[in-house]
């Protein structure tokens, strides 16, 4: 089963239930070499529904001392597909990263700065 690292809304119980149909169990981890950033929500309907003007995001900076805290979850392949649907914004790209724990996990990062 795949691992997914969340630094944003996928950590929220209401988002987990609406996206996966269940609450996820996870544990704290960190994403080295990245920093928190924000992406403007271009669609006014999505911004209104979210109650905010920007989505959380991370951007690679390559500095090993930089860390983004979050939660590591083990999910099914079907749940990974559901996460892809939830993270539909063009600003995101799903990539594999190595976390501070040494685990390999999927994470959604700023598409504009994602490794190619």
PDB file of N, CA and C in Angstrom:
ATOM      1  N   UNK A   1       0.841  -1.184   0.000  1.00  0.00           N
ATOM      2  CA  UNK A   1       0.000   0.000   0.000  1.00  0.00           C
ATOM      3  C   UNK A   1       0.881   1.240   0.000  1.00  0.00           C
ATOM      4  N   UNK A   2       0.459   2.275  -0.707  1.00  0.00           N
ATOM      5  CA  UNK A   2       1.288   3.483  -0.800  1.00  0.00           C
ATOM      6  C   UNK A   2       1.232   4.340   0.468  1.00  0.00           C
ATOM      7  N   UNK A   3       2.262   5.159   0.617  1.00  0.00           N
ATOM      8  CA  UNK A   3       2.325   6.150   1.679  1.00  0.00           C
ATOM      9  C   UNK A   3       2.105   7.518   1.051  1.00  0.00           C
ATOM     10  N   UNK A   4       1.402   8.389   1.783  1.00  0.00           N
ATOM     11  CA  UNK A   4       1.204   9.765   1.332  1.00  0.00           C
ATOM     12  C   UNK A   4       1.542  10.695   2.494  1.00  0.00           C
ATOM     13  N   UNK A   5       2.285  11.744   2.192  1.00  0.00           N
ATOM     14  CA  UNK A   5       2.668  12.727   3.201  1.00  0.00           C
ATOM     15  C   UNK A   5       1.818  13.965   2.991  1.00  0.00           C
ATOM     16  N   UNK A   6       1.159  14.411   4.048  1.00  0.00           N
ATOM     17  CA  UNK A   6       0.339  15.620   3.972  1.00  0.00           C
ATOM     18  C   UNK A   6       0.869  16.684   4.905  1.00  0.00           C
ATOM     19  N   UNK A   7       0.969  17.894   4.383  1.00  0.00           N
ATOM     20  CA  UNK A   7       1.351  19.065   5.156  1.00  0.00           C
ATOM     21  C   UNK A   7       0.194  20.042   5.240  1.00  0.00           C
ATOM     22  N   UNK A   8      -0.947  19.682   4.632  1.00  0.00           N
ATOM     23  CA  UNK A   8      -2.083  20.600   4.529  1.00  0.00           C
ATOM     24  C   UNK A   8      -3.409  19.948   4.865  1.00  0.00           C
ATOM     25  N   UNK A   9      -4.382  20.202   4.022  1.00  0.00           N
ATOM     26  CA  UNK A   9      -5.771  19.870   4.337  1.00  0.00           C
ATOM     27  C   UNK A   9      -6.069  18.378   4.420  1.00  0.00           C
ATOM     28  N   UNK A  10      -5.254  17.523   3.812  1.00  0.00           N
ATOM     29  CA  UNK A  10      -5.508  16.079   3.927  1.00  0.00           C
ATOM     30  C   UNK A  10      -5.289  15.575   5.357  1.00  0.00           C
ATOM     31  N   UNK A  11      -4.773  16.428   6.228  1.00  0.00           N
ATOM     32  CA  UNK A  11      -4.643  16.081   7.643  1.00  0.00           C
ATOM     33  C   UNK A  11      -5.952  16.323   8.402  1.00  0.00           C
ATOM     34  N   UNK A  12      -6.859  17.082   7.807  1.00  0.00           N
ATOM     35  CA  UNK A  12      -8.115  17.442   8.459  1.00  0.00           C
ATOM     36  C   UNK A  12      -9.107  16.277   8.393  1.00  0.00           C
ATOM     37  N   UNK A  13      -9.758  15.986   9.517  1.00  0.00           N
ATOM     38  CA  UNK A  13     -10.694  14.866   9.580  1.00  0.00           C
ATOM     39  C   UNK A  13     -11.835  15.012   8.583  1.00  0.00           C
ATOM     40  N   UNK A  14     -12.414  16.211   8.450  1.00  0.00           N
ATOM     41  CA  UNK A  14     -13.533  16.397   7.520  1.00  0.00           C
ATOM     42  C   UNK A  14     -13.106  16.152   6.073  1.00  0.00           C
ATOM     43  N   UNK A  15     -11.894  16.529   5.725  1.00  0.00           N
ATOM     44  CA  UNK A  15     -11.386  16.298   4.367  1.00  0.00           C
ATOM     45  C   UNK A  15     -11.141  14.808   4.148  1.00  0.00           C
ATOM     46  N   UNK A  16     -10.608  14.121   5.143  1.00  0.00           N
ATOM     47  CA  UNK A  16     -10.372  12.679   5.030  1.00  0.00           C
ATOM     48  C   UNK A  16     -11.683  11.922   4.818  1.00  0.00           C
ATOM     49  N   UNK A  17     -12.693  12.252   5.603  1.00  0.00           N
ATOM     50  CA  UNK A  17     -13.973  11.552   5.482  1.00  0.00           C
ATOM     51  C   UNK A  17     -14.603  11.826   4.122  1.00  0.00           C
ATOM     52  N   UNK A  18     -14.569  13.077   3.665  1.00  0.00           N
ATOM     53  CA  UNK A  18     -15.189  13.379   2.370  1.00  0.00           C
ATOM     54  C   UNK A  18     -14.379  12.843   1.190  1.00  0.00           C
ATOM     55  N   UNK A  19     -13.065  12.712   1.352  1.00  0.00           N
ATOM     56  CA  UNK A  19     -12.208  12.231   0.263  1.00  0.00           C
ATOM     57  C   UNK A  19     -12.066  10.716   0.256  1.00  0.00           C
ATOM     58  N   UNK A  20     -11.891  10.110   1.434  1.00  0.00           N
ATOM     59  CA  UNK A  20     -11.592   8.685   1.531  1.00  0.00           C
ATOM     60  C   UNK A  20     -12.715   7.851   2.145  1.00  0.00           C
ATOM     61  N   UNK A  21     -13.712   8.518   2.733  1.00  0.00           N
ATOM     62  CA  UNK A  21     -14.807   7.793   3.372  1.00  0.00           C
ATOM     63  C   UNK A  21     -14.445   7.223   4.726  1.00  0.00           C
ATOM     64  N   UNK A  22     -13.315   7.660   5.268  1.00  0.00           N
ATOM     65  CA  UNK A  22     -12.872   7.179   6.579  1.00  0.00           C
ATOM     66  C   UNK A  22     -11.828   8.140   7.131  1.00  0.00           C
ATOM     67  N   UNK A  23     -11.557   7.996   8.429  1.00  0.00           N
ATOM     68  CA  UNK A  23     -10.464   8.735   9.044  1.00  0.00           C
ATOM     69  C   UNK A  23      -9.180   7.946   8.861  1.00  0.00           C
ATOM     70  N   UNK A  24      -8.110   8.631   8.532  1.00  0.00           N
ATOM     71  CA  UNK A  24      -6.816   7.992   8.355  1.00  0.00           C
ATOM     72  C   UNK A  24      -6.051   8.012   9.671  1.00  0.00           C
ATOM     73  N   UNK A  25      -5.232   7.007   9.861  1.00  0.00           N
ATOM     74  CA  UNK A  25      -4.312   6.995  11.004  1.00  0.00           C
ATOM     75  C   UNK A  25      -2.914   7.237  10.457  1.00  0.00           C
ATOM     76  N   UNK A  26      -2.220   8.160  11.065  1.00  0.00           N
ATOM     77  CA  UNK A  26      -0.884   8.485  10.575  1.00  0.00           C
ATOM     78  C   UNK A  26       0.035   8.861  11.702  1.00  0.00           C
ATOM     79  N   UNK A  27       1.249   9.219  11.332  1.00  0.00           N
ATOM     80  CA  UNK A  27       2.203   9.684  12.330  1.00  0.00           C
ATOM     81  C   UNK A  27       3.010  10.839  11.760  1.00  0.00           C
ATOM     82  N   UNK A  28       3.536  11.638  12.680  1.00  0.00           N
ATOM     83  CA  UNK A  28       4.285  12.827  12.290  1.00  0.00           C
ATOM     84  C   UNK A  28       5.560  12.448  11.553  1.00  0.00           C
ATOM     85  N   UNK A  29       5.903  13.267  10.578  1.00  0.00           N
ATOM     86  CA  UNK A  29       7.146  13.114   9.835  1.00  0.00           C
ATOM     87  C   UNK A  29       7.502  14.491   9.303  1.00  0.00           C
ATOM     88  N   UNK A  30       8.607  14.589   8.578  1.00  0.00           N
ATOM     89  CA  UNK A  30       9.039  15.865   8.006  1.00  0.00           C
ATOM     90  C   UNK A  30       9.555  15.652   6.594  1.00  0.00           C
ATOM     91  N   UNK A  31       9.377  16.694   5.784  1.00  0.00           N
ATOM     92  CA  UNK A  31       9.847  16.704   4.405  1.00  0.00           C
ATOM     93  C   UNK A  31      11.075  17.598   4.319  1.00  0.00           C
ATOM     94  N   UNK A  32      12.285  17.007   4.228  1.00  0.00           N
ATOM     95  CA  UNK A  32      13.506  17.818   4.164  1.00  0.00           C
ATOM     96  C   UNK A  32      13.712  18.435   2.786  1.00  0.00           C
ATOM     97  N   UNK A  33      14.339  19.615   2.786  1.00  0.00           N
ATOM     98  CA  UNK A  33      14.690  20.271   1.525  1.00  0.00           C
ATOM     99  C   UNK A  33      13.556  21.057   0.892  1.00  0.00           C
ATOM    100  N   UNK A  34      12.489  21.272   1.639  1.00  0.00           N
ATOM    101  CA  UNK A  34      11.324  22.025   1.140  1.00  0.00           C
ATOM    102  C   UNK A  34      10.961  23.101   2.152  1.00  0.00           C
ATOM    103  N   UNK A  35      10.174  24.084   1.688  1.00  0.00           N
ATOM    104  CA  UNK A  35       9.640  25.113   2.570  1.00  0.00           C
ATOM    105  C   UNK A  35       8.178  25.347   2.229  1.00  0.00           C
ATOM    106  N   UNK A  36       7.431  25.835   3.214  1.00  0.00           N
ATOM    107  CA  UNK A  36       6.018  26.133   2.990  1.00  0.00           C
ATOM    108  C   UNK A  36       5.867  27.311   2.048  1.00  0.00           C
ATOM    109  N   UNK A  37       4.835  27.264   1.229  1.00  0.00           N
ATOM    110  CA  UNK A  37       4.510  28.365   0.337  1.00  0.00           C
ATOM    111  C   UNK A  37       2.994  28.376   0.142  1.00  0.00           C
ATOM    112  N   UNK A  38       2.511  29.340  -0.587  1.00  0.00           N
ATOM    113  CA  UNK A  38       1.081  29.472  -0.860  1.00  0.00           C
ATOM    114  C   UNK A  38       0.863  29.608  -2.352  1.00  0.00           C
ATOM    115  N   UNK A  39      -0.282  29.085  -2.820  1.00  0.00           N
ATOM    116  CA  UNK A  39      -0.673  29.207  -4.220  1.00  0.00           C
ATOM    117  C   UNK A  39      -2.044  29.869  -4.263  1.00  0.00           C
ATOM    118  N   UNK A  40      -2.162  30.935  -5.040  1.00  0.00           N
ATOM    119  CA  UNK A  40      -3.430  31.660  -5.157  1.00  0.00           C
ATOM    120  C   UNK A  40      -4.497  30.746  -5.760  1.00  0.00           C
ATOM    121  N   UNK A  41      -5.682  30.776  -5.185  1.00  0.00           N
ATOM    122  CA  UNK A  41      -6.828  30.039  -5.721  1.00  0.00           C
ATOM    123  C   UNK A  41      -7.442  30.912  -6.800  1.00  0.00           C
ATOM    124  N   UNK A  42      -7.334  30.470  -8.036  1.00  0.00           N
ATOM    125  CA  UNK A  42      -7.794  31.277  -9.166  1.00  0.00           C
ATOM    126  C   UNK A  42      -9.309  31.248  -9.348  1.00  0.00           C
ATOM    127  N   UNK A  43      -9.932  30.108  -9.025  1.00  0.00           N
ATOM    128  CA  UNK A  43     -11.377  29.955  -9.205  1.00  0.00           C
ATOM    129  C   UNK A  43     -12.103  30.577  -8.011  1.00  0.00           C
ATOM    130  N   UNK A  44     -12.898  31.636  -8.235  1.00  0.00           N
ATOM    131  CA  UNK A  44     -13.559  32.293  -7.110  1.00  0.00           C
ATOM    132  C   UNK A  44     -14.553  31.379  -6.387  1.00  0.00           C
ATOM    133  N   UNK A  45     -15.123  30.406  -7.083  1.00  0.00           N
ATOM    134  CA  UNK A  45     -16.054  29.474  -6.441  1.00  0.00           C
ATOM    135  C   UNK A  45     -15.321  28.558  -5.462  1.00  0.00           C
ATOM    136  N   UNK A  46     -14.140  28.093  -5.859  1.00  0.00           N
ATOM    137  CA  UNK A  46     -13.337  27.246  -4.973  1.00  0.00           C
ATOM    138  C   UNK A  46     -12.851  28.069  -3.779  1.00  0.00           C
ATOM    139  N   UNK A  47     -12.437  29.312  -4.028  1.00  0.00           N
ATOM    140  CA  UNK A  47     -11.990  30.186  -2.938  1.00  0.00           C
ATOM    141  C   UNK A  47     -13.121  30.423  -1.940  1.00  0.00           C
ATOM    142  N   UNK A  48     -14.334  30.654  -2.457  1.00  0.00           N
ATOM    143  CA  UNK A  48     -15.477  30.885  -1.573  1.00  0.00           C
ATOM    144  C   UNK A  48     -15.799  29.641  -0.762  1.00  0.00           C
ATOM    145  N   UNK A  49     -15.761  28.469  -1.399  1.00  0.00           N
ATOM    146  CA  UNK A  49     -16.053  27.215  -0.700  1.00  0.00           C
ATOM    147  C   UNK A  49     -14.999  26.913   0.356  1.00  0.00           C
ATOM    148  N   UNK A  50     -13.742  27.236   0.045  1.00  0.00           N
ATOM    149  CA  UNK A  50     -12.650  26.970   0.976  1.00  0.00           C
ATOM    150  C   UNK A  50     -12.569  28.028   2.079  1.00  0.00           C
ATOM    151  N   UNK A  51     -13.162  29.187   1.815  1.00  0.00           N
ATOM    152  CA  UNK A  51     -13.087  30.269   2.791  1.00  0.00           C
ATOM    153  C   UNK A  51     -11.710  30.886   2.890  1.00  0.00           C
ATOM    154  N   UNK A  52     -10.947  30.777   1.803  1.00  0.00           N
ATOM    155  CA  UNK A  52      -9.591  31.326   1.795  1.00  0.00           C
ATOM    156  C   UNK A  52      -9.193  31.665   0.367  1.00  0.00           C
ATOM    157  N   UNK A  53      -8.156  32.460   0.206  1.00  0.00           N
ATOM    158  CA  UNK A  53      -7.728  32.902  -1.123  1.00  0.00           C
ATOM    159  C   UNK A  53      -6.524  32.131  -1.651  1.00  0.00           C
ATOM    160  N   UNK A  54      -5.865  31.338  -0.771  1.00  0.00           N
ATOM    161  CA  UNK A  54      -4.668  30.599  -1.168  1.00  0.00           C
ATOM    162  C   UNK A  54      -4.697  29.177  -0.618  1.00  0.00           C
ATOM    163  N   UNK A  55      -4.104  28.247  -1.372  1.00  0.00           N
ATOM    164  CA  UNK A  55      -3.884  26.873  -0.918  1.00  0.00           C
ATOM    165  C   UNK A  55      -2.491  26.777  -0.309  1.00  0.00           C
ATOM    166  N   UNK A  56      -2.354  25.898   0.697  1.00  0.00           N
ATOM    167  CA  UNK A  56      -1.023  25.574   1.205  1.00  0.00           C
ATOM    168  C   UNK A  56      -0.264  24.825   0.125  1.00  0.00           C
ATOM    169  N   UNK A  57       1.023  24.999   0.111  1.00  0.00           N
ATOM    170  CA  UNK A  57       1.864  24.325  -0.859  1.00  0.00           C
ATOM    171  C   UNK A  57       3.268  24.215  -0.269  1.00  0.00           C
ATOM    172  N   UNK A  58       4.109  23.436  -0.912  1.00  0.00           N
ATOM    173  CA  UNK A  58       5.523  23.387  -0.564  1.00  0.00           C
ATOM    174  C   UNK A  58       6.340  23.590  -1.822  1.00  0.00           C
ATOM    175  N   UNK A  59       7.500  24.155  -1.624  1.00  0.00           N
ATOM    176  CA  UNK A  59       8.401  24.430  -2.731  1.00  0.00           C
ATOM    177  C   UNK A  59       9.770  23.876  -2.367  1.00  0.00           C
ATOM    178  N   UNK A  60      10.380  23.173  -3.304  1.00  0.00           N
ATOM    179  CA  UNK A  60      11.715  22.635  -3.065  1.00  0.00           C
ATOM    180  C   UNK A  60      12.706  23.795  -2.987  1.00  0.00           C
ATOM    181  N   UNK A  61      13.589  23.733  -1.987  1.00  0.00           N
ATOM    182  CA  UNK A  61      14.653  24.735  -1.911  1.00  0.00           C
ATOM    183  C   UNK A  61      16.028  24.070  -1.854  1.00  0.00           C
ATOM    184  N   UNK A  62      16.047  22.748  -1.697  1.00  0.00           N
ATOM    185  CA  UNK A  62      17.300  22.002  -1.734  1.00  0.00           C
ATOM    186  C   UNK A  62      18.167  22.107  -0.502  1.00  0.00           C
ATOM    187  N   UNK A  63      17.718  22.830   0.497  1.00  0.00           N
ATOM    188  CA  UNK A  63      18.507  22.980   1.725  1.00  0.00           C
ATOM    189  C   UNK A  63      18.113  21.883   2.714  1.00  0.00           C
ATOM    190  N   UNK A  64      19.024  20.962   3.046  1.00  0.00           N
ATOM    191  CA  UNK A  64      18.670  19.836   3.919  1.00  0.00           C
ATOM    192  C   UNK A  64      18.173  20.263   5.293  1.00  0.00           C
ATOM    193  N   UNK A  65      18.586  21.443   5.748  1.00  0.00           N
ATOM    194  CA  UNK A  65      18.134  21.898   7.066  1.00  0.00           C
ATOM    195  C   UNK A  65      16.690  22.410   7.050  1.00  0.00           C
ATOM    196  N   UNK A  66      16.144  22.696   5.859  1.00  0.00           N
ATOM    197  CA  UNK A  66      14.745  23.115   5.737  1.00  0.00           C
ATOM    198  C   UNK A  66      13.846  21.899   5.895  1.00  0.00           C
ATOM    199  N   UNK A  67      12.796  22.039   6.670  1.00  0.00           N
ATOM    200  CA  UNK A  67      11.880  20.923   6.928  1.00  0.00           C
ATOM    201  C   UNK A  67      10.447  21.429   6.933  1.00  0.00           C
ATOM    202  N   UNK A  68       9.560  20.651   6.325  1.00  0.00           N
ATOM    203  CA  UNK A  68       8.125  20.912   6.410  1.00  0.00           C
ATOM    204  C   UNK A  68       7.520  19.792   7.231  1.00  0.00           C
ATOM    205  N   UNK A  69       6.860  20.159   8.326  1.00  0.00           N
ATOM    206  CA  UNK A  69       6.215  19.173   9.189  1.00  0.00           C
ATOM    207  C   UNK A  69       4.884  18.748   8.596  1.00  0.00           C
ATOM    208  N   UNK A  70       4.523  17.498   8.845  1.00  0.00           N
ATOM    209  CA  UNK A  70       3.250  16.994   8.365  1.00  0.00           C
ATOM    210  C   UNK A  70       2.977  15.610   8.920  1.00  0.00           C
ATOM    211  N   UNK A  71       2.076  14.904   8.253  1.00  0.00           N
ATOM    212  CA  UNK A  71       1.660  13.585   8.706  1.00  0.00           C
ATOM    213  C   UNK A  71       1.794  12.586   7.566  1.00  0.00           C
ATOM    214  N   UNK A  72       2.315  11.410   7.883  1.00  0.00           N
ATOM    215  CA  UNK A  72       2.475  10.315   6.935  1.00  0.00           C
ATOM    216  C   UNK A  72       1.330   9.333   7.136  1.00  0.00           C
ATOM    217  N   UNK A  73       0.623   9.023   6.044  1.00  0.00           N
ATOM    218  CA  UNK A  73      -0.509   8.109   6.080  1.00  0.00           C
ATOM    219  C   UNK A  73      -0.279   6.946   5.120  1.00  0.00           C
ATOM    220  N   UNK A  74      -0.671   5.747   5.516  1.00  0.00           N
ATOM    221  CA  UNK A  74      -0.695   4.608   4.606  1.00  0.00           C
ATOM    222  C   UNK A  74      -2.109   4.510   4.062  1.00  0.00           C
ATOM    223  N   UNK A  75      -2.229   4.495   2.732  1.00  0.00           N
ATOM    224  CA  UNK A  75      -3.535   4.471   2.079  1.00  0.00           C
ATOM    225  C   UNK A  75      -3.546   3.389   1.003  1.00  0.00           C
ATOM    226  N   UNK A  76      -4.716   3.135   0.452  1.00  0.00           N
ATOM    227  CA  UNK A  76      -4.850   2.159  -0.627  1.00  0.00           C
ATOM    228  C   UNK A  76      -4.618   2.841  -1.972  1.00  0.00           C
ATOM    229  N   UNK A  77      -4.469   2.038  -3.014  1.00  0.00           N
ATOM    230  CA  UNK A  77      -4.339   2.597  -4.373  1.00  0.00           C
ATOM    231  C   UNK A  77      -5.580   3.392  -4.748  1.00  0.00           C
ATOM    232  N   UNK A  78      -6.764   2.895  -4.367  1.00  0.00           N
ATOM    233  CA  UNK A  78      -8.011   3.612  -4.659  1.00  0.00           C
ATOM    234  C   UNK A  78      -8.045   4.956  -3.931  1.00  0.00           C
ATOM    235  N   UNK A  79      -7.536   4.978  -2.694  1.00  0.00           N
ATOM    236  CA  UNK A  79      -7.486   6.230  -1.948  1.00  0.00           C
ATOM    237  C   UNK A  79      -6.466   7.195  -2.549  1.00  0.00           C
ATOM    238  N   UNK A  80      -5.379   6.668  -3.117  1.00  0.00           N
ATOM    239  CA  UNK A  80      -4.414   7.527  -3.797  1.00  0.00           C
ATOM    240  C   UNK A  80      -5.071   8.192  -5.004  1.00  0.00           C
ATOM    241  N   UNK A  81      -5.887   7.439  -5.727  1.00  0.00           N
ATOM    242  CA  UNK A  81      -6.630   8.010  -6.858  1.00  0.00           C
ATOM    243  C   UNK A  81      -7.611   9.080  -6.369  1.00  0.00           C
ATOM    244  N   UNK A  82      -8.237   8.847  -5.219  1.00  0.00           N
ATOM    245  CA  UNK A  82      -9.151   9.836  -4.646  1.00  0.00           C
ATOM    246  C   UNK A  82      -8.384  11.096  -4.234  1.00  0.00           C
ATOM    247  N   UNK A  83      -7.174  10.919  -3.710  1.00  0.00           N
ATOM    248  CA  UNK A  83      -6.340  12.070  -3.346  1.00  0.00           C
ATOM    249  C   UNK A  83      -5.965  12.870  -4.592  1.00  0.00           C
ATOM    250  N   UNK A  84      -5.658  12.166  -5.685  1.00  0.00           N
ATOM    251  CA  UNK A  84      -5.354  12.858  -6.947  1.00  0.00           C
ATOM    252  C   UNK A  84      -6.537  13.712  -7.392  1.00  0.00           C
ATOM    253  N   UNK A  85      -7.733  13.163  -7.256  1.00  0.00           N
ATOM    254  CA  UNK A  85      -8.938  13.900  -7.643  1.00  0.00           C
ATOM    255  C   UNK A  85      -9.131  15.113  -6.733  1.00  0.00           C
ATOM    256  N   UNK A  86      -8.898  14.936  -5.445  1.00  0.00           N
ATOM    257  CA  UNK A  86      -9.035  16.036  -4.486  1.00  0.00           C
ATOM    258  C   UNK A  86      -8.013  17.138  -4.779  1.00  0.00           C
ATOM    259  N   UNK A  87      -6.783  16.761  -5.092  1.00  0.00           N
ATOM    260  CA  UNK A  87      -5.699  17.713  -5.362  1.00  0.00           C
ATOM    261  C   UNK A  87      -5.666  18.077  -6.847  1.00  0.00           C
ATOM    262  N   UNK A  88      -6.805  18.364  -7.413  1.00  0.00           N
ATOM    263  CA  UNK A  88      -6.950  18.575  -8.858  1.00  0.00           C
ATOM    264  C   UNK A  88      -6.329  19.863  -9.390  1.00  0.00           C
ATOM    265  N   UNK A  89      -5.961  20.761  -8.525  1.00  0.00           N
ATOM    266  CA  UNK A  89      -5.456  22.052  -8.981  1.00  0.00           C
ATOM    267  C   UNK A  89      -4.209  21.884  -9.852  1.00  0.00           C
ATOM    268  N   UNK A  90      -4.129  22.663 -10.894  1.00  0.00           N
ATOM    269  CA  UNK A  90      -2.984  22.607 -11.808  1.00  0.00           C
ATOM    270  C   UNK A  90      -1.696  23.030 -11.112  1.00  0.00           C
ATOM    271  N   UNK A  91      -1.807  23.657  -9.960  1.00  0.00           N
ATOM    272  CA  UNK A  91      -0.625  24.114  -9.228  1.00  0.00           C
ATOM    273  C   UNK A  91       0.128  22.969  -8.564  1.00  0.00           C
ATOM    274  N   UNK A  92      -0.462  21.763  -8.523  1.00  0.00           N
ATOM    275  CA  UNK A  92       0.139  20.640  -7.809  1.00  0.00           C
ATOM    276  C   UNK A  92       0.607  19.532  -8.742  1.00  0.00           C
ATOM    277  N   UNK A  93       1.661  18.860  -8.304  1.00  0.00           N
ATOM    278  CA  UNK A  93       2.154  17.667  -8.980  1.00  0.00           C
ATOM    279  C   UNK A  93       2.497  16.650  -7.895  1.00  0.00           C
ATOM    280  N   UNK A  94       2.112  15.389  -8.111  1.00  0.00           N
ATOM    281  CA  UNK A  94       2.420  14.347  -7.133  1.00  0.00           C
ATOM    282  C   UNK A  94       3.759  13.722  -7.481  1.00  0.00           C
ATOM    283  N   UNK A  95       4.668  13.721  -6.496  1.00  0.00           N
ATOM    284  CA  UNK A  95       5.996  13.147  -6.696  1.00  0.00           C
ATOM    285  C   UNK A  95       6.335  12.241  -5.510  1.00  0.00           C
ATOM    286  N   UNK A  96       7.345  11.392  -5.690  1.00  0.00           N
ATOM    287  CA  UNK A  96       7.854  10.560  -4.602  1.00  0.00           C
ATOM    288  C   UNK A  96       9.005  11.300  -3.937  1.00  0.00           C
ATOM    289  N   UNK A  97       8.972  11.320  -2.602  1.00  0.00           N
ATOM    290  CA  UNK A  97      10.031  11.975  -1.827  1.00  0.00           C
ATOM    291  C   UNK A  97      10.516  11.020  -0.744  1.00  0.00           C
ATOM    292  N   UNK A  98      11.696  11.313  -0.224  1.00  0.00           N
ATOM    293  CA  UNK A  98      12.203  10.604   0.949  1.00  0.00           C
ATOM    294  C   UNK A  98      12.021  11.523   2.141  1.00  0.00           C
ATOM    295  N   UNK A  99      11.294  11.043   3.136  1.00  0.00           N
ATOM    296  CA  UNK A  99      11.007  11.827   4.324  1.00  0.00           C
ATOM    297  C   UNK A  99      12.139  11.709   5.339  1.00  0.00           C
ATOM    298  N   UNK A 100      12.081  12.520   6.370  1.00  0.00           N
ATOM    299  CA  UNK A 100      13.108  12.503   7.415  1.00  0.00           C
ATOM    300  C   UNK A 100      13.214  11.125   8.060  1.00  0.00           C
ATOM    301  N   UNK A 101      12.103  10.387   8.100  1.00  0.00           N
ATOM    302  CA  UNK A 101      12.089   9.038   8.679  1.00  0.00           C
ATOM    303  C   UNK A 101      12.779   8.016   7.782  1.00  0.00           C
ATOM    304  N   UNK A 102      13.048   8.404   6.525  1.00  0.00           N
ATOM    305  CA  UNK A 102      13.622   7.479   5.557  1.00  0.00           C
ATOM    306  C   UNK A 102      12.588   6.793   4.687  1.00  0.00           C
ATOM    307  N   UNK A 103      11.305   6.975   5.006  1.00  0.00           N
ATOM    308  CA  UNK A 103      10.234   6.366   4.205  1.00  0.00           C
ATOM    309  C   UNK A 103      10.074   7.116   2.892  1.00  0.00           C
ATOM    310  N   UNK A 104       9.753   6.354   1.835  1.00  0.00           N
ATOM    311  CA  UNK A 104       9.378   6.938   0.548  1.00  0.00           C
ATOM    312  C   UNK A 104       7.878   7.165   0.560  1.00  0.00           C
ATOM    313  N   UNK A 105       7.453   8.345   0.130  1.00  0.00           N
ATOM    314  CA  UNK A 105       6.030   8.671   0.146  1.00  0.00           C
ATOM    315  C   UNK A 105       5.687   9.588  -1.014  1.00  0.00           C
ATOM    316  N   UNK A 106       4.423   9.547  -1.402  1.00  0.00           N
ATOM    317  CA  UNK A 106       3.904  10.515  -2.362  1.00  0.00           C
ATOM    318  C   UNK A 106       3.643  11.820  -1.629  1.00  0.00           C
ATOM    319  N   UNK A 107       3.848  12.943  -2.319  1.00  0.00           N
ATOM    320  CA  UNK A 107       3.509  14.258  -1.788  1.00  0.00           C
ATOM    321  C   UNK A 107       3.127  15.147  -2.959  1.00  0.00           C
ATOM    322  N   UNK A 108       2.235  16.082  -2.706  1.00  0.00           N
ATOM    323  CA  UNK A 108       1.848  17.056  -3.720  1.00  0.00           C
ATOM    324  C   UNK A 108       2.669  18.315  -3.500  1.00  0.00           C
ATOM    325  N   UNK A 109       3.378  18.745  -4.549  1.00  0.00           N
ATOM    326  CA  UNK A 109       4.263  19.903  -4.465  1.00  0.00           C
ATOM    327  C   UNK A 109       3.895  20.923  -5.535  1.00  0.00           C
ATOM    328  N   UNK A 110       4.447  22.107  -5.395  1.00  0.00           N
ATOM    329  CA  UNK A 110       4.229  23.159  -6.392  1.00  0.00           C
ATOM    330  C   UNK A 110       4.701  22.665  -7.752  1.00  0.00           C
ATOM    331  N   UNK A 111       3.804  22.595  -8.706  1.00  0.00           N
ATOM    332  CA  UNK A 111       4.136  22.087 -10.038  1.00  0.00           C
ATOM    333  C   UNK A 111       5.231  22.926 -10.697  1.00  0.00           C
ATOM    334  N   UNK A 112       5.227  24.211 -10.425  1.00  0.00           N
ATOM    335  CA  UNK A 112       6.196  25.103 -11.058  1.00  0.00           C
ATOM    336  C   UNK A 112       7.635  24.843 -10.617  1.00  0.00           C
ATOM    337  N   UNK A 113       7.804  24.209  -9.449  1.00  0.00           N
ATOM    338  CA  UNK A 113       9.156  23.955  -8.950  1.00  0.00           C
ATOM    339  C   UNK A 113       9.440  22.465  -8.761  1.00  0.00           C
ATOM    340  N   UNK A 114       8.516  21.613  -9.200  1.00  0.00           N
ATOM    341  CA  UNK A 114       8.688  20.158  -9.013  1.00  0.00           C
ATOM    342  C   UNK A 114       9.855  19.654  -9.855  1.00  0.00           C
ATOM    343  N   UNK A 115      10.594  18.700  -9.310  1.00  0.00           N
ATOM    344  CA  UNK A 115      11.655  18.081 -10.117  1.00  0.00           C
ATOM    345  C   UNK A 115      11.062  17.459 -11.375  1.00  0.00           C
ATOM    346  N   UNK A 116      11.791  17.521 -12.463  1.00  0.00           N
ATOM    347  CA  UNK A 116      11.274  16.973 -13.735  1.00  0.00           C
ATOM    348  C   UNK A 116      11.738  15.567 -13.950  1.00  0.00           C
TER     349      UNK A 116
END
